[in-house]
Protein backbone atom coordinates (compact mmCIF):
# COMPACT_ATOMS: atom_id res chain seq x y z
CA UNK A 1 68.70 60.25 149.52
CA UNK A 2 66.48 58.90 146.51
CA UNK A 3 65.35 60.96 144.26
CA UNK A 4 61.92 61.71 144.06
CA UNK A 5 59.63 59.70 142.33
CA UNK A 6 57.86 61.68 139.06
CA UNK A 7 53.93 61.52 139.15
CA UNK A 8 52.20 60.52 135.96
CA UNK A 9 49.58 62.68 135.79
CA UNK A 10 47.95 61.33 132.73
CA UNK A 11 48.27 57.75 133.73
CA UNK A 12 46.02 59.37 136.64
CA UNK A 13 43.67 60.61 134.11
CA UNK A 14 43.21 57.55 132.22
CA UNK A 15 42.66 55.35 135.78
CA UNK A 16 39.90 57.82 137.27
CA UNK A 17 38.37 57.56 133.13
CA UNK A 18 38.69 53.91 134.47
CA UNK A 19 36.53 54.14 137.76
CA UNK A 20 39.79 53.80 139.44
CA UNK A 21 39.13 56.39 142.84
CA UNK A 22 42.76 56.01 144.05
CA UNK A 23 43.81 58.01 141.37
CA UNK A 24 41.61 60.35 141.90
CA UNK A 25 42.35 60.74 145.43
CA UNK A 26 46.53 60.18 144.50
CA UNK A 27 45.76 63.83 142.21
CA UNK A 28 43.99 65.44 145.16
CA UNK A 29 46.86 64.29 147.76
CA UNK A 30 49.68 65.89 145.11
CA UNK A 31 47.76 68.82 143.96
CA UNK A 32 44.58 69.62 146.12
CA UNK A 33 46.77 72.26 148.40
CA UNK A 34 48.19 74.06 145.49
CA UNK A 35 44.63 73.68 143.24
CA UNK A 36 42.95 75.23 146.36
CA UNK A 37 45.21 78.25 145.72
CA UNK A 38 44.27 78.82 142.61
CA UNK A 39 40.97 78.64 143.17
CA UNK A 40 41.39 80.68 146.51
CA UNK A 41 43.41 83.61 144.15
CA UNK A 42 40.54 83.75 141.92
CA UNK A 43 37.19 83.70 144.07
CA UNK A 44 39.08 85.42 147.19
CA UNK A 45 36.77 83.27 149.80
CA UNK A 46 38.43 80.22 151.36
CA UNK A 47 34.74 78.32 151.32
CA UNK A 48 33.87 79.32 148.25
CA UNK A 49 37.36 77.97 146.76
CA UNK A 50 36.45 74.95 148.63
CA UNK A 51 33.50 74.39 146.80
CA UNK A 52 35.21 75.38 143.58
CA UNK A 53 37.37 72.49 144.17
CA UNK A 54 35.10 70.00 145.16
CA UNK A 55 33.15 70.87 141.94
CA UNK A 56 36.74 70.77 139.97
CA UNK A 57 37.36 67.45 141.11
CA UNK A 58 33.83 65.96 140.35
CA UNK A 59 34.33 67.39 136.73
CA UNK A 60 37.87 65.85 136.45
CA UNK A 61 36.37 62.43 137.79
CA UNK A 62 33.30 62.47 135.19
CA UNK A 63 35.56 64.08 132.43
CA UNK A 64 38.76 62.36 132.72
CA UNK A 65 37.68 60.24 129.18
CA UNK A 66 37.72 63.64 127.46
CA UNK A 67 41.69 64.24 128.30
CA UNK A 68 43.47 64.12 125.40
CA UNK A 69 47.31 63.65 125.59
CA UNK A 70 47.68 65.49 122.00
CA UNK A 71 46.14 68.79 123.42
CA UNK A 72 48.34 69.33 126.02
CA UNK A 73 49.85 68.14 129.55
CA UNK A 74 47.39 66.17 132.11
CA UNK A 75 48.64 68.41 134.76
CA UNK A 76 47.72 71.33 132.67
CA UNK A 77 44.22 70.11 131.79
CA UNK A 78 43.70 69.12 135.62
CA UNK A 79 44.75 73.15 136.61
CA UNK A 80 42.67 74.00 133.48
CA UNK A 81 39.24 72.69 134.87
CA UNK A 82 39.87 74.13 138.74
CA UNK A 83 41.15 77.83 137.07
CA UNK A 84 37.45 77.58 134.88
CA UNK A 85 35.50 76.05 137.13
CA UNK A 86 36.48 79.08 139.37
CA UNK A 87 36.68 81.78 137.01
CA UNK A 88 33.00 80.78 136.23
CA UNK A 89 32.43 81.04 139.94
CA UNK A 90 33.77 84.76 140.20
CA UNK A 91 31.83 85.89 136.99
CA UNK A 92 28.71 84.96 138.82
CA UNK A 93 27.94 81.97 136.58
CA UNK A 94 28.86 79.00 138.55
CA UNK A 95 27.46 75.90 137.05
CA UNK A 96 25.90 73.43 139.56
CA UNK A 97 27.83 69.96 139.33
CA UNK A 98 25.35 66.53 139.76
CA UNK A 99 27.20 63.87 141.39
CA UNK A 100 25.95 60.39 142.55
CA UNK A 101 26.75 59.07 145.69
CA UNK A 102 29.66 57.45 144.46
CA UNK A 103 31.43 60.29 143.30
CA UNK A 104 30.84 62.16 146.06
CA UNK A 105 32.56 59.20 148.47
CA UNK A 106 35.77 59.15 145.99
CA UNK A 107 36.06 63.27 146.67
CA UNK A 108 35.17 62.26 150.60
CA UNK A 109 37.99 59.96 150.48
CA UNK A 110 40.41 62.10 148.25
CA UNK A 111 40.04 64.96 150.98
CA UNK A 112 42.12 63.07 153.93
CA UNK A 113 45.69 64.45 153.88
CA UNK A 114 49.06 63.25 155.34
CA UNK A 115 51.71 64.88 156.99
CA UNK A 116 54.12 63.49 154.42
CA UNK A 117 52.61 65.18 151.36
CA UNK A 118 51.66 68.12 153.03
CA UNK A 119 55.60 68.63 153.61
CA UNK A 120 56.42 67.50 149.82
CA UNK A 121 53.81 70.18 148.85
CA UNK A 122 55.70 72.75 151.01
CA UNK A 123 59.09 71.93 149.27
CA UNK A 124 57.70 72.27 146.09
CA UNK A 125 56.58 76.24 146.92
CA UNK A 126 59.78 76.71 148.13
CA UNK A 127 61.13 75.25 144.76
CA UNK A 128 58.51 77.20 142.71
CA UNK A 129 59.15 80.44 144.76
CA UNK A 130 63.08 80.05 144.21
CA UNK A 131 62.49 80.12 140.46
CA UNK A 132 60.13 82.87 140.27
CA UNK A 133 62.15 85.02 141.83
CA UNK A 134 64.96 84.18 139.35
CA UNK A 135 62.68 85.35 136.81
CA UNK A 136 62.67 88.95 135.53
CA UNK A 137 59.66 90.87 136.63
CA UNK A 138 57.55 91.00 133.64
CA UNK A 139 57.68 87.69 133.28
CA UNK A 140 57.29 86.69 136.85
CA UNK A 141 54.33 89.58 137.06
CA UNK A 142 52.74 88.05 134.08
CA UNK A 143 52.67 84.53 135.00
CA UNK A 144 50.98 85.49 138.07
CA UNK A 145 48.56 87.66 136.75
CA UNK A 146 47.68 84.53 134.72
CA UNK A 147 47.75 81.72 137.25
CA UNK A 148 47.35 83.05 140.67
CA UNK A 149 44.99 86.13 139.45
CA UNK A 150 42.96 84.28 137.05
CA UNK A 151 43.60 87.13 134.48
CA UNK A 152 43.25 87.04 131.00
CA UNK A 153 46.04 87.66 128.32
CA UNK A 154 43.79 90.82 127.90
CA UNK A 155 43.33 91.94 131.41
CA UNK A 156 47.24 91.55 131.85
CA UNK A 157 48.12 93.82 129.40
CA UNK A 158 45.54 96.18 130.60
CA UNK A 159 47.45 95.70 134.08
CA UNK A 160 50.75 96.33 132.62
CA UNK A 161 50.22 98.61 129.94
CA UNK A 162 51.94 96.75 127.52
CA UNK A 163 51.07 95.01 123.82
CA UNK A 164 48.96 91.89 123.87
CA UNK A 165 51.63 89.89 122.05
CA UNK A 166 54.23 90.86 124.38
CA UNK A 167 52.23 89.43 127.15
CA UNK A 168 51.68 86.28 125.60
CA UNK A 169 55.50 86.00 124.61
CA UNK A 170 56.43 87.01 128.51
CA UNK A 171 54.08 84.27 129.64
CA UNK A 172 55.39 81.43 127.24
CA UNK A 173 58.82 82.22 128.15
CA UNK A 174 58.11 82.55 131.36
CA UNK A 175 56.70 79.30 131.83
CA UNK A 176 59.38 77.31 129.65
CA UNK A 177 61.93 78.98 132.33
CA UNK A 178 60.24 77.78 135.29
CA UNK A 179 59.72 74.44 133.90
CA UNK A 180 63.29 74.21 133.07
CA UNK A 181 64.11 75.28 136.62
CA UNK A 182 61.83 72.96 138.30
CA UNK A 183 63.20 69.85 136.30
């Protein structure tokens, strides 16, 4: 069996910055379902989450040039765009993103899914679940509160009744363990 081909998120963002519509579609095909899940956990309503994802992909398309690999991973940048868009909406301060016809056409084209992509996403989710189960409860809960529920570190500390520094350490160590497990 062939090893899965590694997706180059940084190259995809660079291609978006150059106006390559296929690059945005590739990002959507690869991450769309998971990003929708991130938005859904924060805003709690599917239609609103779909709107958040749409607006976030417009932002990714229009702001791809602003991605700086020195400041973090491209995949993390993509997720943070979606997460921040969802948090803005959840807090009632959602900003309207103006898009031209070309950007809307790119998003419409990116929304077309294939069965193979859905199968691959399911496999990735299964691996992620297995890796999360392998974490101790404190690290797992901290990560889920942060990345699924969209809580800030301070909110997690309050929920878990633990010091802020401890929460940050649990998240950092837990993410490191997840990265290693997902390999």
